Amino acid sequence: QVQLVESGGGLVQPGGSLRLSCAATGSVFNINAVNWYRQAPGKQREWVAGITKTSDTDYADFVKGRFTISRDNIKNIVYLQMNSLKSEDTAVYYCNTDEKRGLRSWGQGTQVTVSS
């Protein structure tokens, strides 16, 4: 099993930046990819970005050019650098893993609020 803990959320003004972290423990050798999702109040959870174990990355169109996903393989942490934040980026952000044998794990989420 893989355990995930997100951190780094908070309150930021529009145009500001935050860096989220997703720390993985447990059977990390089973992880094929790590994704970030978000869920705003009253909306469905949506995929934001993903990074494979070979560091290939992909982004949802609504964050391209503003968010960057990266990983530290020694610390088993995946980061989401979020720049030029907008009010519509306000959501709970979750990290998620795609693992061998089709398993998936979720963290507990971290709140990001973009407001003046």
PDB file of N, CA and C in Angstrom:
ATOM      1  N   GLN A   1       0.830  -1.209   0.000  1.00  0.00           N
ATOM      2  CA  GLN A   1       0.000   0.000   0.000  1.00  0.00           C
ATOM      3  C   GLN A   1       0.858   1.250   0.000  1.00  0.00           C
ATOM      4  N   VAL A   2       0.284   2.293  -0.553  1.00  0.00           N
ATOM      5  CA  VAL A   2       0.943   3.596  -0.596  1.00  0.00           C
ATOM      6  C   VAL A   2       0.130   4.573   0.226  1.00  0.00           C
ATOM      7  N   GLN A   3       0.810   5.341   1.042  1.00  0.00           N
ATOM      8  CA  GLN A   3       0.162   6.404   1.809  1.00  0.00           C
ATOM      9  C   GLN A   3       0.643   7.750   1.260  1.00  0.00           C
ATOM     10  N   LEU A   4      -0.299   8.666   1.130  1.00  0.00           N
ATOM     11  CA  LEU A   4      -0.006   9.974   0.555  1.00  0.00           C
ATOM     12  C   LEU A   4      -0.419  11.071   1.522  1.00  0.00           C
ATOM     13  N   VAL A   5       0.436  12.066   1.676  1.00  0.00           N
ATOM     14  CA  VAL A   5       0.119  13.214   2.521  1.00  0.00           C
ATOM     15  C   VAL A   5       0.422  14.485   1.744  1.00  0.00           C
ATOM     16  N   GLU A   6      -0.624  15.295   1.532  1.00  0.00           N
ATOM     17  CA  GLU A   6      -0.447  16.576   0.847  1.00  0.00           C
ATOM     18  C   GLU A   6      -0.191  17.683   1.863  1.00  0.00           C
ATOM     19  N   SER A   7       0.507  18.703   1.436  1.00  0.00           N
ATOM     20  CA  SER A   7       0.725  19.881   2.263  1.00  0.00           C
ATOM     21  C   SER A   7       1.007  21.074   1.355  1.00  0.00           C
ATOM     22  N   GLY A   8       1.009  22.257   1.953  1.00  0.00           N
ATOM     23  CA  GLY A   8       1.362  23.454   1.201  1.00  0.00           C
ATOM     24  C   GLY A   8       0.210  24.347   0.807  1.00  0.00           C
ATOM     25  N   GLY A   9      -1.009  23.918   1.087  1.00  0.00           N
ATOM     26  CA  GLY A   9      -2.155  24.747   0.749  1.00  0.00           C
ATOM     27  C   GLY A   9      -2.249  25.964   1.652  1.00  0.00           C
ATOM     28  N   GLY A  10      -3.161  26.857   1.302  1.00  0.00           N
ATOM     29  CA  GLY A  10      -3.348  28.058   2.105  1.00  0.00           C
ATOM     30  C   GLY A  10      -4.132  29.109   1.361  1.00  0.00           C
ATOM     31  N   LEU A  11      -4.099  30.303   1.917  1.00  0.00           N
ATOM     32  CA  LEU A  11      -4.795  31.453   1.338  1.00  0.00           C
ATOM     33  C   LEU A  11      -3.774  32.307   0.587  1.00  0.00           C
ATOM     34  N   VAL A  12      -4.083  32.655  -0.640  1.00  0.00           N
ATOM     35  CA  VAL A  12      -3.182  33.469  -1.456  1.00  0.00           C
ATOM     36  C   VAL A  12      -4.015  34.436  -2.279  1.00  0.00           C
ATOM     37  N   GLN A  13      -3.449  35.582  -2.579  1.00  0.00           N
ATOM     38  CA  GLN A  13      -4.156  36.568  -3.389  1.00  0.00           C
ATOM     39  C   GLN A  13      -4.094  36.196  -4.866  1.00  0.00           C
ATOM     40  N   PRO A  14      -5.044  36.657  -5.647  1.00  0.00           N
ATOM     41  CA  PRO A  14      -4.981  36.418  -7.097  1.00  0.00           C
ATOM     42  C   PRO A  14      -3.654  36.902  -7.657  1.00  0.00           C
ATOM     43  N   GLY A  15      -3.080  36.094  -8.532  1.00  0.00           N
ATOM     44  CA  GLY A  15      -1.772  36.388  -9.095  1.00  0.00           C
ATOM     45  C   GLY A  15      -0.623  35.821  -8.305  1.00  0.00           C
ATOM     46  N   GLY A  16      -0.904  35.312  -7.122  1.00  0.00           N
ATOM     47  CA  GLY A  16       0.136  34.764  -6.260  1.00  0.00           C
ATOM     48  C   GLY A  16       0.506  33.334  -6.614  1.00  0.00           C
ATOM     49  N   SER A  17       1.379  32.773  -5.782  1.00  0.00           N
ATOM     50  CA  SER A  17       1.903  31.429  -6.022  1.00  0.00           C
ATOM     51  C   SER A  17       1.831  30.590  -4.765  1.00  0.00           C
ATOM     52  N   LEU A  18       1.736  29.292  -4.963  1.00  0.00           N
ATOM     53  CA  LEU A  18       1.832  28.311  -3.894  1.00  0.00           C
ATOM     54  C   LEU A  18       2.531  27.085  -4.453  1.00  0.00           C
ATOM     55  N   ARG A  19       3.197  26.356  -3.577  1.00  0.00           N
ATOM     56  CA  ARG A  19       3.759  25.064  -3.967  1.00  0.00           C
ATOM     57  C   ARG A  19       3.188  23.983  -3.068  1.00  0.00           C
ATOM     58  N   LEU A  20       2.500  23.053  -3.682  1.00  0.00           N
ATOM     59  CA  LEU A  20       1.948  21.908  -2.961  1.00  0.00           C
ATOM     60  C   LEU A  20       2.946  20.757  -3.002  1.00  0.00           C
ATOM     61  N   SER A  21       2.915  19.956  -1.935  1.00  0.00           N
ATOM     62  CA  SER A  21       3.760  18.772  -1.865  1.00  0.00           C
ATOM     63  C   SER A  21       2.898  17.553  -1.612  1.00  0.00           C
ATOM     64  N   CYS A  22       3.309  16.442  -2.178  1.00  0.00           N
ATOM     65  CA  CYS A  22       2.648  15.161  -1.965  1.00  0.00           C
ATOM     66  C   CYS A  22       3.739  14.161  -1.592  1.00  0.00           C
ATOM     67  N   ALA A  23       3.757  13.777  -0.334  1.00  0.00           N
ATOM     68  CA  ALA A  23       4.775  12.857   0.159  1.00  0.00           C
ATOM     69  C   ALA A  23       4.210  11.440   0.182  1.00  0.00           C
ATOM     70  N   ALA A  24       4.936  10.527  -0.431  1.00  0.00           N
ATOM     71  CA  ALA A  24       4.494   9.139  -0.513  1.00  0.00           C
ATOM     72  C   ALA A  24       5.348   8.256   0.375  1.00  0.00           C
ATOM     73  N   THR A  25       4.696   7.342   1.072  1.00  0.00           N
ATOM     74  CA  THR A  25       5.378   6.335   1.870  1.00  0.00           C
ATOM     75  C   THR A  25       4.749   4.985   1.594  1.00  0.00           C
ATOM     76  N   GLY A  26       5.400   3.945   2.064  1.00  0.00           N
ATOM     77  CA  GLY A  26       4.895   2.603   1.839  1.00  0.00           C
ATOM     78  C   GLY A  26       5.488   1.995   0.579  1.00  0.00           C
ATOM     79  N   SER A  27       4.652   1.339  -0.198  1.00  0.00           N
ATOM     80  CA  SER A  27       5.121   0.600  -1.389  1.00  0.00           C
ATOM     81  C   SER A  27       5.315   1.529  -2.578  1.00  0.00           C
ATOM     82  N   VAL A  28       6.199   2.484  -2.429  1.00  0.00           N
ATOM     83  CA  VAL A  28       6.393   3.513  -3.479  1.00  0.00           C
ATOM     84  C   VAL A  28       6.950   2.908  -4.766  1.00  0.00           C
ATOM     85  N   PHE A  29       7.582   1.745  -4.679  1.00  0.00           N
ATOM     86  CA  PHE A  29       8.145   1.115  -5.864  1.00  0.00           C
ATOM     87  C   PHE A  29       7.042   0.625  -6.803  1.00  0.00           C
ATOM     88  N   ASN A  30       5.810   0.576  -6.321  1.00  0.00           N
ATOM     89  CA  ASN A  30       4.672   0.171  -7.149  1.00  0.00           C
ATOM     90  C   ASN A  30       4.039   1.326  -7.913  1.00  0.00           C
ATOM     91  N   ILE A  31       4.515   2.540  -7.676  1.00  0.00           N
ATOM     92  CA  ILE A  31       3.882   3.714  -8.279  1.00  0.00           C
ATOM     93  C   ILE A  31       4.347   3.883  -9.729  1.00  0.00           C
ATOM     94  N   ASN A  32       3.400   3.969 -10.633  1.00  0.00           N
ATOM     95  CA  ASN A  32       3.705   4.245 -12.041  1.00  0.00           C
ATOM     96  C   ASN A  32       3.595   5.730 -12.369  1.00  0.00           C
ATOM     97  N   ALA A  33       2.651   6.400 -11.732  1.00  0.00           N
ATOM     98  CA  ALA A  33       2.447   7.829 -11.999  1.00  0.00           C
ATOM     99  C   ALA A  33       1.776   8.453 -10.786  1.00  0.00           C
ATOM    100  N   VAL A  34       1.985   9.749 -10.641  1.00  0.00           N
ATOM    101  CA  VAL A  34       1.332  10.534  -9.598  1.00  0.00           C
ATOM    102  C   VAL A  34       0.577  11.680 -10.266  1.00  0.00           C
ATOM    103  N   ASN A  35      -0.630  11.884  -9.804  1.00  0.00           N
ATOM    104  CA  ASN A  35      -1.484  12.928 -10.372  1.00  0.00           C
ATOM    105  C   ASN A  35      -1.934  13.888  -9.276  1.00  0.00           C
ATOM    106  N   TRP A  36      -2.237  15.080  -9.702  1.00  0.00           N
ATOM    107  CA  TRP A  36      -2.942  16.032  -8.846  1.00  0.00           C
ATOM    108  C   TRP A  36      -4.351  16.219  -9.405  1.00  0.00           C
ATOM    109  N   TYR A  37      -5.317  16.192  -8.504  1.00  0.00           N
ATOM    110  CA  TYR A  37      -6.706  16.489  -8.815  1.00  0.00           C
ATOM    111  C   TYR A  37      -7.142  17.645  -7.936  1.00  0.00           C
ATOM    112  N   ARG A  38      -8.272  18.219  -8.268  1.00  0.00           N
ATOM    113  CA  ARG A  38      -8.847  19.234  -7.391  1.00  0.00           C
ATOM    114  C   ARG A  38     -10.366  19.139  -7.428  1.00  0.00           C
ATOM    115  N   GLN A  39     -10.966  19.612  -6.348  1.00  0.00           N
ATOM    116  CA  GLN A  39     -12.420  19.622  -6.262  1.00  0.00           C
ATOM    117  C   GLN A  39     -12.863  20.918  -5.607  1.00  0.00           C
ATOM    118  N   ALA A  40     -13.585  21.708  -6.370  1.00  0.00           N
ATOM    119  CA  ALA A  40     -14.144  22.953  -5.866  1.00  0.00           C
ATOM    120  C   ALA A  40     -15.526  22.671  -5.279  1.00  0.00           C
ATOM    121  N   PRO A  41     -15.995  23.527  -4.376  1.00  0.00           N
ATOM    122  CA  PRO A  41     -17.320  23.316  -3.775  1.00  0.00           C
ATOM    123  C   PRO A  41     -18.412  23.195  -4.836  1.00  0.00           C
ATOM    124  N   GLY A  42     -19.202  22.146  -4.728  1.00  0.00           N
ATOM    125  CA  GLY A  42     -20.306  21.953  -5.645  1.00  0.00           C
ATOM    126  C   GLY A  42     -19.927  21.443  -7.021  1.00  0.00           C
ATOM    127  N   LYS A  43     -18.652  21.119  -7.206  1.00  0.00           N
ATOM    128  CA  LYS A  43     -18.200  20.655  -8.520  1.00  0.00           C
ATOM    129  C   LYS A  43     -17.574  19.268  -8.400  1.00  0.00           C
ATOM    130  N   GLN A  44     -17.471  18.612  -9.540  1.00  0.00           N
ATOM    131  CA  GLN A  44     -16.833  17.303  -9.565  1.00  0.00           C
ATOM    132  C   GLN A  44     -15.317  17.443  -9.462  1.00  0.00           C
ATOM    133  N   ARG A  45     -14.705  16.391  -8.950  1.00  0.00           N
ATOM    134  CA  ARG A  45     -13.250  16.363  -8.885  1.00  0.00           C
ATOM    135  C   ARG A  45     -12.700  16.327 -10.308  1.00  0.00           C
ATOM    136  N   GLU A  46     -11.663  17.107 -10.569  1.00  0.00           N
ATOM    137  CA  GLU A  46     -11.089  17.159 -11.905  1.00  0.00           C
ATOM    138  C   GLU A  46      -9.576  16.972 -11.853  1.00  0.00           C
ATOM    139  N   TRP A  47      -9.062  16.355 -12.897  1.00  0.00           N
ATOM    140  CA  TRP A  47      -7.628  16.120 -13.001  1.00  0.00           C
ATOM    141  C   TRP A  47      -6.926  17.423 -13.353  1.00  0.00           C
ATOM    142  N   VAL A  48      -5.763  17.631 -12.729  1.00  0.00           N
ATOM    143  CA  VAL A  48      -5.014  18.860 -12.930  1.00  0.00           C
ATOM    144  C   VAL A  48      -3.701  18.608 -13.677  1.00  0.00           C
ATOM    145  N   ALA A  49      -2.929  17.627 -13.197  1.00  0.00           N
ATOM    146  CA  ALA A  49      -1.619  17.374 -13.791  1.00  0.00           C
ATOM    147  C   ALA A  49      -1.151  15.992 -13.379  1.00  0.00           C
ATOM    148  N   GLY A  50      -0.212  15.438 -14.136  1.00  0.00           N
ATOM    149  CA  GLY A  50       0.337  14.129 -13.809  1.00  0.00           C
ATOM    150  C   GLY A  50       1.789  14.029 -14.207  1.00  0.00           C
ATOM    151  N   ILE A  51       2.501  13.132 -13.513  1.00  0.00           N
ATOM    152  CA  ILE A  51       3.906  12.889 -13.814  1.00  0.00           C
ATOM    153  C   ILE A  51       4.166  11.401 -13.672  1.00  0.00           C
ATOM    154  N   THR A  52       4.859  10.829 -14.664  1.00  0.00           N
ATOM    155  CA  THR A  52       5.153   9.399 -14.626  1.00  0.00           C
ATOM    156  C   THR A  52       6.460   9.149 -13.877  1.00  0.00           C
ATOM    157  N   LYS A  53       6.776   7.868 -13.697  1.00  0.00           N
ATOM    158  CA  LYS A  53       8.025   7.541 -13.005  1.00  0.00           C
ATOM    159  C   LYS A  53       9.242   7.894 -13.848  1.00  0.00           C
ATOM    160  N   THR A  54       9.052   8.114 -15.143  1.00  0.00           N
ATOM    161  CA  THR A  54      10.135   8.579 -16.018  1.00  0.00           C
ATOM    162  C   THR A  54      10.081  10.088 -16.210  1.00  0.00           C
ATOM    163  N   SER A  55       9.257  10.746 -15.394  1.00  0.00           N
ATOM    164  CA  SER A  55       9.149  12.217 -15.362  1.00  0.00           C
ATOM    165  C   SER A  55       8.505  12.833 -16.585  1.00  0.00           C
ATOM    166  N   ASP A  56       7.756  12.050 -17.339  1.00  0.00           N
ATOM    167  CA  ASP A  56       6.907  12.653 -18.373  1.00  0.00           C
ATOM    168  C   ASP A  56       5.752  13.355 -17.670  1.00  0.00           C
ATOM    169  N   THR A  57       5.406  14.530 -18.158  1.00  0.00           N
ATOM    170  CA  THR A  57       4.372  15.320 -17.503  1.00  0.00           C
ATOM    171  C   THR A  57       3.240  15.660 -18.476  1.00  0.00           C
ATOM    172  N   ASP A  58       2.097  15.941 -17.903  1.00  0.00           N
ATOM    173  CA  ASP A  58       0.945  16.370 -18.687  1.00  0.00           C
ATOM    174  C   ASP A  58       0.080  17.257 -17.807  1.00  0.00           C
ATOM    175  N   TYR A  59      -0.652  18.167 -18.440  1.00  0.00           N
ATOM    176  CA  TYR A  59      -1.419  19.155 -17.707  1.00  0.00           C
ATOM    177  C   TYR A  59      -2.807  19.326 -18.320  1.00  0.00           C
ATOM    178  N   ALA A  60      -3.755  19.649 -17.472  1.00  0.00           N
ATOM    179  CA  ALA A  60      -5.058  20.067 -17.970  1.00  0.00           C
ATOM    180  C   ALA A  60      -4.897  21.425 -18.647  1.00  0.00           C
ATOM    181  N   ASP A  61      -5.698  21.672 -19.650  1.00  0.00           N
ATOM    182  CA  ASP A  61      -5.563  22.912 -20.416  1.00  0.00           C
ATOM    183  C   ASP A  61      -5.685  24.149 -19.529  1.00  0.00           C
ATOM    184  N   PHE A  62      -6.529  24.055 -18.497  1.00  0.00           N
ATOM    185  CA  PHE A  62      -6.794  25.254 -17.695  1.00  0.00           C
ATOM    186  C   PHE A  62      -5.635  25.619 -16.766  1.00  0.00           C
ATOM    187  N   VAL A  63      -4.578  24.789 -16.683  1.00  0.00           N
ATOM    188  CA  VAL A  63      -3.411  25.139 -15.862  1.00  0.00           C
ATOM    189  C   VAL A  63      -2.126  25.211 -16.678  1.00  0.00           C
ATOM    190  N   LYS A  64      -2.180  24.867 -17.933  1.00  0.00           N
ATOM    191  CA  LYS A  64      -0.967  24.898 -18.759  1.00  0.00           C
ATOM    192  C   LYS A  64      -0.366  26.296 -18.768  1.00  0.00           C
ATOM    193  N   GLY A  65       0.943  26.334 -18.566  1.00  0.00           N
ATOM    194  CA  GLY A  65       1.654  27.613 -18.532  1.00  0.00           C
ATOM    195  C   GLY A  65       1.655  28.277 -17.169  1.00  0.00           C
ATOM    196  N   ARG A  66       0.844  27.764 -16.240  1.00  0.00           N
ATOM    197  CA  ARG A  66       0.787  28.354 -14.891  1.00  0.00           C
ATOM    198  C   ARG A  66       1.276  27.385 -13.815  1.00  0.00           C
ATOM    199  N   PHE A  67       0.983  26.111 -13.969  1.00  0.00           N
ATOM    200  CA  PHE A  67       1.331  25.094 -12.970  1.00  0.00           C
ATOM    201  C   PHE A  67       2.460  24.214 -13.513  1.00  0.00           C
ATOM    202  N   THR A  68       3.313  23.754 -12.617  1.00  0.00           N
ATOM    203  CA  THR A  68       4.384  22.839 -12.980  1.00  0.00           C
ATOM    204  C   THR A  68       4.436  21.698 -11.981  1.00  0.00           C
ATOM    205  N   ILE A  69       4.404  20.481 -12.490  1.00  0.00           N
ATOM    206  CA  ILE A  69       4.518  19.302 -11.633  1.00  0.00           C
ATOM    207  C   ILE A  69       5.948  18.773 -11.737  1.00  0.00           C
ATOM    208  N   SER A  70       6.493  18.344 -10.611  1.00  0.00           N
ATOM    209  CA  SER A  70       7.851  17.810 -10.599  1.00  0.00           C
ATOM    210  C   SER A  70       7.956  16.779  -9.481  1.00  0.00           C
ATOM    211  N   ARG A  71       9.071  16.050  -9.471  1.00  0.00           N
ATOM    212  CA  ARG A  71       9.219  15.017  -8.456  1.00  0.00           C
ATOM    213  C   ARG A  71      10.640  14.960  -7.936  1.00  0.00           C
ATOM    214  N   ASP A  72      10.743  14.570  -6.684  1.00  0.00           N
ATOM    215  CA  ASP A  72      12.035  14.296  -6.050  1.00  0.00           C
ATOM    216  C   ASP A  72      12.035  12.809  -5.733  1.00  0.00           C
ATOM    217  N   ASN A  73      12.745  12.047  -6.532  1.00  0.00           N
ATOM    218  CA  ASN A  73      12.707  10.588  -6.388  1.00  0.00           C
ATOM    219  C   ASN A  73      13.417  10.096  -5.134  1.00  0.00           C
ATOM    220  N   ILE A  74      14.308  10.904  -4.600  1.00  0.00           N
ATOM    221  CA  ILE A  74      15.007  10.491  -3.380  1.00  0.00           C
ATOM    222  C   ILE A  74      14.086  10.642  -2.174  1.00  0.00           C
ATOM    223  N   LYS A  75      13.372  11.756  -2.141  1.00  0.00           N
ATOM    224  CA  LYS A  75      12.466  12.016  -1.024  1.00  0.00           C
ATOM    225  C   LYS A  75      11.070  11.437  -1.238  1.00  0.00           C
ATOM    226  N   ASN A  76      10.803  10.932  -2.448  1.00  0.00           N
ATOM    227  CA  ASN A  76       9.468  10.417  -2.780  1.00  0.00           C
ATOM    228  C   ASN A  76       8.395  11.486  -2.576  1.00  0.00           C
ATOM    229  N   ILE A  77       8.672  12.665  -3.087  1.00  0.00           N
ATOM    230  CA  ILE A  77       7.736  13.779  -3.010  1.00  0.00           C
ATOM    231  C   ILE A  77       7.461  14.278  -4.429  1.00  0.00           C
ATOM    232  N   VAL A  78       6.209  14.558  -4.691  1.00  0.00           N
ATOM    233  CA  VAL A  78       5.806  15.206  -5.937  1.00  0.00           C
ATOM    234  C   VAL A  78       5.296  16.593  -5.588  1.00  0.00           C
ATOM    235  N   TYR A  79       5.730  17.566  -6.371  1.00  0.00           N
ATOM    236  CA  TYR A  79       5.366  18.950  -6.118  1.00  0.00           C
ATOM    237  C   TYR A  79       4.426  19.464  -7.209  1.00  0.00           C
ATOM    238  N   LEU A  80       3.613  20.431  -6.834  1.00  0.00           N
ATOM    239  CA  LEU A  80       2.819  21.162  -7.806  1.00  0.00           C
ATOM    240  C   LEU A  80       3.056  22.642  -7.547  1.00  0.00           C
ATOM    241  N   GLN A  81       3.864  23.254  -8.400  1.00  0.00           N
ATOM    242  CA  GLN A  81       4.113  24.684  -8.315  1.00  0.00           C
ATOM    243  C   GLN A  81       2.993  25.400  -9.056  1.00  0.00           C
ATOM    244  N   MET A  82       2.302  26.257  -8.341  1.00  0.00           N
ATOM    245  CA  MET A  82       1.151  26.953  -8.912  1.00  0.00           C
ATOM    246  C   MET A  82       1.434  28.452  -8.936  1.00  0.00           C
ATOM    247  N   ASN A  83       1.505  29.011 -10.133  1.00  0.00           N
ATOM    248  CA  ASN A  83       1.753  30.438 -10.305  1.00  0.00           C
ATOM    249  C   ASN A  83       0.539  31.114 -10.949  1.00  0.00           C
ATOM    250  N   SER A  84       0.513  32.423 -10.880  1.00  0.00           N
ATOM    251  CA  SER A  84      -0.577  33.200 -11.494  1.00  0.00           C
ATOM    252  C   SER A  84      -1.941  32.649 -11.091  1.00  0.00           C
ATOM    253  N   LEU A  85      -2.107  32.435  -9.813  1.00  0.00           N
ATOM    254  CA  LEU A  85      -3.343  31.817  -9.329  1.00  0.00           C
ATOM    255  C   LEU A  85      -4.545  32.723  -9.546  1.00  0.00           C
ATOM    256  N   LYS A  86      -5.668  32.079  -9.830  1.00  0.00           N
ATOM    257  CA  LYS A  86      -6.933  32.762 -10.077  1.00  0.00           C
ATOM    258  C   LYS A  86      -7.946  32.304  -9.042  1.00  0.00           C
ATOM    259  N   SER A  87      -8.988  33.063  -8.876  1.00  0.00           N
ATOM    260  CA  SER A  87     -10.027  32.695  -7.908  1.00  0.00           C
ATOM    261  C   SER A  87     -10.628  31.336  -8.255  1.00  0.00           C
ATOM    262  N   GLU A  88     -10.705  31.038  -9.536  1.00  0.00           N
ATOM    263  CA  GLU A  88     -11.276  29.754  -9.951  1.00  0.00           C
ATOM    264  C   GLU A  88     -10.368  28.561  -9.654  1.00  0.00           C
ATOM    265  N   ASP A  89      -9.151  28.826  -9.185  1.00  0.00           N
ATOM    266  CA  ASP A  89      -8.272  27.733  -8.751  1.00  0.00           C
ATOM    267  C   ASP A  89      -8.575  27.301  -7.318  1.00  0.00           C
ATOM    268  N   THR A  90      -9.458  28.016  -6.654  1.00  0.00           N
ATOM    269  CA  THR A  90      -9.834  27.661  -5.296  1.00  0.00           C
ATOM    270  C   THR A  90     -10.473  26.280  -5.268  1.00  0.00           C
ATOM    271  N   ALA A  91      -9.909  25.395  -4.462  1.00  0.00           N
ATOM    272  CA  ALA A  91     -10.383  24.014  -4.401  1.00  0.00           C
ATOM    273  C   ALA A  91      -9.579  23.267  -3.346  1.00  0.00           C
ATOM    274  N   VAL A  92     -10.036  22.062  -3.042  1.00  0.00           N
ATOM    275  CA  VAL A  92      -9.207  21.121  -2.299  1.00  0.00           C
ATOM    276  C   VAL A  92      -8.397  20.341  -3.329  1.00  0.00           C
ATOM    277  N   TYR A  93      -7.100  20.311  -3.135  1.00  0.00           N
ATOM    278  CA  TYR A  93      -6.193  19.628  -4.063  1.00  0.00           C
ATOM    279  C   TYR A  93      -5.776  18.290  -3.459  1.00  0.00           C
ATOM    280  N   TYR A  94      -5.887  17.251  -4.282  1.00  0.00           N
ATOM    281  CA  TYR A  94      -5.571  15.884  -3.850  1.00  0.00           C
ATOM    282  C   TYR A  94      -4.474  15.316  -4.749  1.00  0.00           C
ATOM    283  N   CYS A  95      -3.590  14.524  -4.154  1.00  0.00           N
ATOM    284  CA  CYS A  95      -2.711  13.747  -5.005  1.00  0.00           C
ATOM    285  C   CYS A  95      -3.187  12.299  -5.015  1.00  0.00           C
ATOM    286  N   ASN A  96      -2.816  11.630  -6.068  1.00  0.00           N
ATOM    287  CA  ASN A  96      -3.333  10.310  -6.382  1.00  0.00           C
ATOM    288  C   ASN A  96      -2.254   9.537  -7.113  1.00  0.00           C
ATOM    289  N   THR A  97      -2.227   8.232  -6.905  1.00  0.00           N
ATOM    290  CA  THR A  97      -1.238   7.417  -7.594  1.00  0.00           C
ATOM    291  C   THR A  97      -1.901   6.395  -8.507  1.00  0.00           C
ATOM    292  N   ASP A  98      -1.248   6.143  -9.613  1.00  0.00           N
ATOM    293  CA  ASP A  98      -1.543   4.989 -10.459  1.00  0.00           C
ATOM    294  C   ASP A  98      -0.466   3.959 -10.163  1.00  0.00           C
ATOM    295  N   GLU A  99      -0.887   2.793  -9.676  1.00  0.00           N
ATOM    296  CA  GLU A  99       0.080   1.801  -9.213  1.00  0.00           C
ATOM    297  C   GLU A  99      -0.071   0.502 -10.002  1.00  0.00           C
ATOM    298  N   LYS A 100       0.901  -0.375  -9.793  1.00  0.00           N
ATOM    299  CA  LYS A 100       0.839  -1.693 -10.414  1.00  0.00           C
ATOM    300  C   LYS A 100      -0.431  -2.412  -9.960  1.00  0.00           C
ATOM    301  N   ARG A 101      -0.884  -3.308 -10.811  1.00  0.00           N
ATOM    302  CA  ARG A 101      -2.101  -4.103 -10.549  1.00  0.00           C
ATOM    303  C   ARG A 101      -3.341  -3.222 -10.459  1.00  0.00           C
ATOM    304  N   GLY A 102      -3.282  -2.052 -11.058  1.00  0.00           N
ATOM    305  CA  GLY A 102      -4.466  -1.203 -11.128  1.00  0.00           C
ATOM    306  C   GLY A 102      -4.851  -0.522  -9.838  1.00  0.00           C
ATOM    307  N   LEU A 103      -3.976  -0.563  -8.856  1.00  0.00           N
ATOM    308  CA  LEU A 103      -4.300   0.063  -7.579  1.00  0.00           C
ATOM    309  C   LEU A 103      -4.150   1.588  -7.662  1.00  0.00           C
ATOM    310  N   ARG A 104      -4.905   2.253  -6.846  1.00  0.00           N
ATOM    311  CA  ARG A 104      -4.840   3.712  -6.770  1.00  0.00           C
ATOM    312  C   ARG A 104      -4.923   4.115  -5.296  1.00  0.00           C
ATOM    313  N   SER A 105      -4.204   5.155  -4.940  1.00  0.00           N
ATOM    314  CA  SER A 105      -4.249   5.694  -3.581  1.00  0.00           C
ATOM    315  C   SER A 105      -4.546   7.182  -3.654  1.00  0.00           C
ATOM    316  N   TRP A 106      -5.164   7.691  -2.602  1.00  0.00           N
ATOM    317  CA  TRP A 106      -5.497   9.118  -2.514  1.00  0.00           C
ATOM    318  C   TRP A 106      -4.992   9.679  -1.197  1.00  0.00           C
ATOM    319  N   GLY A 107      -4.594  10.939  -1.237  1.00  0.00           N
ATOM    320  CA  GLY A 107      -4.288  11.649  -0.013  1.00  0.00           C
ATOM    321  C   GLY A 107      -5.545  12.272   0.557  1.00  0.00           C
ATOM    322  N   GLN A 108      -5.377  12.992   1.664  1.00  0.00           N
ATOM    323  CA  GLN A 108      -6.522  13.574   2.354  1.00  0.00           C
ATOM    324  C   GLN A 108      -6.899  14.938   1.799  1.00  0.00           C
ATOM    325  N   GLY A 109      -6.010  15.531   0.998  1.00  0.00           N
ATOM    326  CA  GLY A 109      -6.297  16.810   0.373  1.00  0.00           C
ATOM    327  C   GLY A 109      -5.741  17.989   1.148  1.00  0.00           C
ATOM    328  N   THR A 110      -5.512  19.069   0.427  1.00  0.00           N
ATOM    329  CA  THR A 110      -5.065  20.325   1.035  1.00  0.00           C
ATOM    330  C   THR A 110      -5.837  21.469   0.391  1.00  0.00           C
ATOM    331  N   GLN A 111      -6.325  22.377   1.221  1.00  0.00           N
ATOM    332  CA  GLN A 111      -7.182  23.457   0.737  1.00  0.00           C
ATOM    333  C   GLN A 111      -6.348  24.593   0.149  1.00  0.00           C
ATOM    334  N   VAL A 112      -6.725  25.023  -1.031  1.00  0.00           N
ATOM    335  CA  VAL A 112      -6.142  26.203  -1.665  1.00  0.00           C
ATOM    336  C   VAL A 112      -7.256  27.214  -1.864  1.00  0.00           C
ATOM    337  N   THR A 113      -7.075  28.403  -1.323  1.00  0.00           N
ATOM    338  CA  THR A 113      -8.057  29.469  -1.463  1.00  0.00           C
ATOM    339  C   THR A 113      -7.383  30.679  -2.080  1.00  0.00           C
ATOM    340  N   VAL A 114      -7.907  31.115  -3.208  1.00  0.00           N
ATOM    341  CA  VAL A 114      -7.370  32.287  -3.901  1.00  0.00           C
ATOM    342  C   VAL A 114      -8.389  33.404  -3.768  1.00  0.00           C
ATOM    343  N   SER A 115      -8.030  34.410  -3.002  1.00  0.00           N
ATOM    344  CA  SER A 115      -8.977  35.479  -2.705  1.00  0.00           C
ATOM    345  C   SER A 115      -8.227  36.721  -2.260  1.00  0.00           C
ATOM    346  N   SER A 116      -8.789  37.866  -2.603  1.00  0.00           N
ATOM    347  CA  SER A 116      -8.217  39.126  -2.147  1.00  0.00           C
ATOM    348  C   SER A 116      -8.861  39.560  -0.835  1.00  0.00           C
TER     349      SER A 116
END
